Amino acid sequence: MPDWHPATVTESAPAADGLTDLVLDVRGTPLAGTHERPGQYVHLRLPGVGQGLFAIASPPGPQRTHWEFLLKVGSPLPDALIGLPKGARVEVSRPEGRGFPLERARGQDVLLFATGSGISAIRSVITSIQRERGDYGQVTLYFGARTPGAFAYADELQEWEAGGVRVVRTVSQPGVSGWQGLTGYVQAHLGEGPLRPSAVAFLCGQKEMVQGVMKALQALGMPPGDIFLNY
């Protein structure tokens, strides 16, 4: 069973269509400084509602006391968390999962893949890389969403690009939105191989996307050992 600790809601704001950004303050608890790798996740619990796993969207660090989460509406626990006022308490576990091995990416190109709320774990990678951008090669984010309004952290995408991260966005269900960008699944936009030999890939999203991207990367010559999930 998780070791539960109380955290305080400091902010809750819309992040995209159907997605909300939740910030919890873990200051003064044993959780402070325990987030060690981007891509790790925790259990969040509300008495009488239940518990669930959520990736930490903010970067790790021994001094960080505010953890961010991206919540997808439509289920009892996320909906209840989204409805909490500032100052409310949420029970939080210690971070779990192996996360993404940034040390394996140093000196190499980095390919990042995310769909929907899976961008939360990848955002933690990007913000960590930006702290020491010169230690990495080319960084490319392939970001997929169902509709144009479903891209979380839209305001940050330009900041990421200005910081040396190439962002490739694609929409799987553009409908009549007038979307003029790429369409289809993220793996369809990898281009023709082979990939540069000094590259690693970090993936987070729905199972079908993960399987499709892994298959595409291996077809382009990337060894399975250079492809990483966060769990």
Protein backbone atom coordinates (compact mmCIF):
# COMPACT_ATOMS: atom_id res chain seq x y z
CA MET A 1 0.00 0.00 0.00
CA PRO A 2 1.23 3.54 -0.71
CA ASP A 3 2.61 5.69 2.07
CA TRP A 4 0.19 8.63 2.07
CA HIS A 5 1.06 12.25 2.81
CA PRO A 6 -1.12 15.40 2.67
CA ALA A 7 -0.54 17.96 -0.09
CA THR A 8 -2.31 21.28 -0.62
CA VAL A 9 -4.00 22.49 -3.79
CA THR A 10 -2.40 25.78 -4.88
CA GLU A 11 -3.76 26.10 -8.41
CA SER A 12 -6.24 24.49 -10.81
CA ALA A 13 -6.67 25.89 -14.31
CA PRO A 14 -7.83 24.67 -17.74
CA ALA A 15 -4.95 23.31 -19.83
CA ALA A 16 -6.81 22.32 -23.02
CA ASP A 17 -10.15 20.91 -24.09
CA GLY A 18 -10.97 18.26 -21.47
CA LEU A 19 -7.69 18.75 -19.59
CA THR A 20 -6.90 20.66 -16.39
CA ASP A 21 -3.58 21.59 -14.78
CA LEU A 22 -3.48 20.88 -11.03
CA VAL A 23 -0.67 22.08 -8.77
CA LEU A 24 -0.05 20.54 -5.35
CA ASP A 25 2.26 21.88 -2.65
CA VAL A 26 4.17 19.11 -0.84
CA ARG A 27 6.25 21.50 1.26
CA GLY A 28 6.75 20.35 4.83
CA THR A 29 6.07 16.70 4.01
CA PRO A 30 8.45 13.77 3.48
CA LEU A 31 7.58 14.01 -0.24
CA ALA A 32 9.71 17.12 -0.79
CA GLY A 33 12.75 16.22 -2.88
CA THR A 34 11.60 12.65 -3.63
CA HIS A 35 10.78 13.33 -7.31
CA GLU A 36 14.07 12.20 -8.86
CA ARG A 37 13.40 11.38 -12.53
CA PRO A 38 11.17 12.89 -15.21
CA GLY A 39 8.35 10.52 -16.05
CA GLN A 40 7.74 9.30 -12.51
CA TYR A 41 4.17 9.13 -11.21
CA VAL A 42 2.30 9.12 -7.91
CA HIS A 43 -0.96 7.92 -6.46
CA LEU A 44 -3.45 10.68 -5.65
CA ARG A 45 -6.30 9.86 -3.26
CA LEU A 46 -9.45 11.56 -2.04
CA PRO A 47 -11.34 9.85 0.79
CA GLY A 48 -14.71 8.64 -0.39
CA VAL A 49 -13.74 8.98 -4.06
CA GLY A 50 -10.76 6.69 -4.61
CA GLN A 51 -7.19 6.77 -5.83
CA GLY A 52 -5.38 6.74 -9.15
CA LEU A 53 -2.00 7.09 -10.81
CA PHE A 54 -0.91 10.42 -12.28
CA ALA A 55 2.41 11.40 -13.89
CA ILE A 56 4.20 14.41 -12.43
CA ALA A 57 4.29 17.06 -15.15
CA SER A 58 6.85 19.34 -13.50
CA PRO A 59 10.61 18.66 -13.52
CA PRO A 60 12.28 16.77 -10.69
CA GLY A 61 14.65 18.36 -8.22
CA PRO A 62 15.62 18.27 -4.55
CA GLN A 63 14.32 21.81 -3.95
CA ARG A 64 11.00 21.50 -5.76
CA THR A 65 7.95 21.54 -3.52
CA HIS A 66 5.21 22.17 -6.09
CA TRP A 67 4.18 19.22 -8.25
CA GLU A 68 2.04 19.70 -11.35
CA PHE A 69 -0.42 17.20 -12.82
CA LEU A 70 -2.49 17.07 -15.99
CA LEU A 71 -5.97 15.74 -15.31
CA LYS A 72 -8.32 14.38 -17.96
CA VAL A 73 -11.98 15.07 -17.22
CA GLY A 74 -14.64 12.39 -17.37
CA SER A 75 -13.79 10.05 -14.47
CA PRO A 76 -14.81 10.35 -10.80
CA LEU A 77 -11.38 10.99 -9.27
CA PRO A 78 -10.05 13.52 -11.82
CA ASP A 79 -13.39 15.33 -11.81
CA ALA A 80 -13.34 15.53 -8.00
CA LEU A 81 -9.72 16.75 -7.98
CA ILE A 82 -10.52 19.41 -10.56
CA GLY A 83 -13.38 20.66 -8.41
CA LEU A 84 -11.28 21.21 -5.30
CA PRO A 85 -10.75 24.79 -4.10
CA LYS A 86 -7.37 26.28 -3.29
CA GLY A 87 -6.18 25.11 0.09
CA ALA A 88 -7.91 21.74 -0.13
CA ARG A 89 -5.96 18.66 0.90
CA VAL A 90 -5.10 15.71 -1.35
CA GLU A 91 -3.39 12.53 -0.20
CA VAL A 92 -0.26 11.80 -2.24
CA SER A 93 2.13 8.84 -2.37
CA ARG A 94 5.86 8.88 -2.98
CA PRO A 95 6.91 8.96 -6.65
CA GLU A 96 7.06 5.57 -8.33
CA GLY A 97 8.30 4.17 -11.63
CA ARG A 98 11.69 4.18 -13.25
CA GLY A 99 10.96 7.37 -15.19
CA PHE A 100 13.00 8.36 -18.24
CA PRO A 101 16.81 7.87 -18.11
CA LEU A 102 18.04 11.33 -19.10
CA GLU A 103 21.60 10.19 -18.50
CA ARG A 104 21.24 7.88 -21.54
CA ALA A 105 20.27 10.86 -23.67
CA ARG A 106 23.24 13.10 -22.89
CA GLY A 107 25.24 13.85 -26.01
CA GLN A 108 22.59 12.28 -28.23
CA ASP A 109 19.57 13.32 -30.23
CA VAL A 110 16.29 12.90 -28.33
CA LEU A 111 12.98 11.91 -29.92
CA LEU A 112 9.95 12.53 -27.71
CA PHE A 113 6.48 11.12 -28.41
CA ALA A 114 3.27 12.01 -26.58
CA THR A 115 -0.45 11.90 -27.18
CA GLY A 116 -3.21 13.51 -25.13
CA SER A 117 -2.51 13.67 -21.41
CA GLY A 118 0.68 11.65 -21.98
CA ILE A 119 2.39 15.00 -22.62
CA SER A 120 2.55 15.45 -18.83
CA ALA A 121 5.43 12.99 -18.41
CA ILE A 122 7.17 14.31 -21.53
CA ARG A 123 6.84 17.90 -20.34
CA SER A 124 8.91 16.91 -17.32
CA VAL A 125 11.59 15.64 -19.72
CA ILE A 126 11.57 18.83 -21.80
CA THR A 127 11.85 21.17 -18.84
CA SER A 128 14.68 19.04 -17.46
CA ILE A 129 16.55 19.11 -20.78
CA GLN A 130 16.16 22.87 -21.05
CA ARG A 131 18.09 23.32 -17.81
CA GLU A 132 21.19 21.92 -19.57
CA ARG A 133 20.24 22.24 -23.23
CA GLY A 134 23.87 22.14 -24.42
CA ASP A 135 24.29 18.61 -23.07
CA TYR A 136 21.92 17.14 -25.67
CA GLY A 137 21.78 16.95 -29.45
CA GLN A 138 18.71 17.65 -31.55
CA VAL A 139 15.47 17.36 -29.56
CA THR A 140 12.19 16.72 -31.39
CA LEU A 141 8.75 16.40 -29.84
CA TYR A 142 6.06 14.54 -31.80
CA PHE A 143 2.83 15.60 -30.11
CA GLY A 144 -0.54 14.18 -31.11
CA ALA A 145 -4.05 15.21 -30.07
CA ARG A 146 -7.52 14.27 -31.24
CA THR A 147 -8.58 17.84 -31.99
CA PRO A 148 -6.76 21.18 -32.36
CA GLY A 149 -8.11 22.36 -29.02
CA ALA A 150 -6.78 19.34 -27.15
CA PHE A 151 -3.09 20.30 -27.08
CA ALA A 152 -2.13 20.86 -23.46
CA TYR A 153 0.57 23.42 -22.64
CA ALA A 154 -0.13 25.24 -25.91
CA ASP A 155 1.32 28.43 -24.44
CA GLU A 156 4.58 26.64 -23.72
CA LEU A 157 5.12 25.14 -27.17
CA GLN A 158 6.65 28.35 -28.53
CA GLU A 159 8.88 28.59 -25.47
CA TRP A 160 10.07 25.04 -26.06
CA GLU A 161 10.81 25.81 -29.70
CA ALA A 162 12.67 28.98 -28.73
CA GLY A 163 14.68 26.84 -26.34
CA GLY A 164 15.81 24.46 -29.06
CA VAL A 165 13.06 21.84 -29.14
CA ARG A 166 11.48 21.11 -32.52
CA VAL A 167 7.74 20.57 -32.05
CA VAL A 168 5.74 18.49 -34.54
CA ARG A 169 2.00 18.62 -33.83
CA THR A 170 -0.54 16.37 -35.50
CA VAL A 171 -4.31 16.05 -35.13
CA SER A 172 -6.07 12.71 -35.61
CA GLN A 173 -9.65 14.07 -35.83
CA PRO A 174 -9.54 17.61 -37.29
CA GLY A 175 -13.20 17.54 -38.38
CA VAL A 176 -14.41 20.95 -39.56
CA SER A 177 -12.06 22.89 -37.27
CA GLY A 178 -10.11 24.46 -40.11
CA TRP A 179 -6.89 22.91 -38.83
CA GLN A 180 -4.13 23.53 -41.41
CA GLY A 181 -1.39 21.49 -39.76
CA LEU A 182 -0.43 17.83 -39.91
CA THR A 183 -3.06 15.14 -39.50
CA GLY A 184 -2.94 11.47 -38.57
CA TYR A 185 -0.94 9.60 -35.98
CA VAL A 186 2.43 10.75 -34.65
CA GLN A 187 4.36 7.79 -36.09
CA ALA A 188 3.23 8.78 -39.58
CA HIS A 189 5.43 11.88 -39.42
CA LEU A 190 8.78 10.36 -38.60
CA GLY A 191 9.85 10.72 -42.20
CA GLU A 192 12.03 8.31 -44.09
CA GLY A 193 14.95 6.69 -42.33
CA PRO A 194 17.41 5.73 -41.33
CA LEU A 195 17.56 7.67 -38.09
CA ARG A 196 20.81 9.20 -36.92
CA PRO A 197 22.71 6.55 -34.93
CA SER A 198 23.10 8.74 -31.84
CA ALA A 199 19.46 8.95 -30.82
CA VAL A 200 17.18 7.76 -28.04
CA ALA A 201 13.38 7.89 -27.84
CA PHE A 202 11.06 8.53 -24.88
CA LEU A 203 7.38 7.60 -25.28
CA CYS A 204 4.22 8.27 -23.27
CA GLY A 205 0.62 7.89 -24.41
CA GLN A 206 -2.03 5.40 -25.34
CA LYS A 207 -0.99 1.79 -25.85
CA GLU A 208 -1.77 1.85 -29.57
CA MET A 209 0.43 4.90 -30.10
CA VAL A 210 3.29 3.42 -28.12
CA GLN A 211 3.18 0.18 -30.07
CA GLY A 212 2.93 2.01 -33.39
CA VAL A 213 5.84 4.34 -32.62
CA MET A 214 8.04 1.50 -31.39
CA LYS A 215 7.37 -0.46 -34.56
CA ALA A 216 8.10 2.56 -36.75
CA LEU A 217 11.32 3.43 -34.91
CA GLN A 218 12.62 -0.11 -35.15
CA ALA A 219 11.77 -0.19 -38.86
CA LEU A 220 13.94 2.92 -39.24
CA GLY A 221 16.83 1.17 -37.52
CA MET A 222 16.56 2.24 -33.87
CA PRO A 223 17.54 -0.60 -31.51
CA PRO A 224 14.84 -1.57 -28.97
CA GLY A 225 17.30 -0.76 -26.19
CA ASP A 226 17.25 2.92 -27.19
CA ILE A 227 13.46 3.22 -26.83
CA PHE A 228 12.18 4.01 -23.33
CA LEU A 229 8.85 4.12 -21.52
CA ASN A 230 8.46 5.69 -18.09
CA TYR A 231 7.19 2.62 -16.27
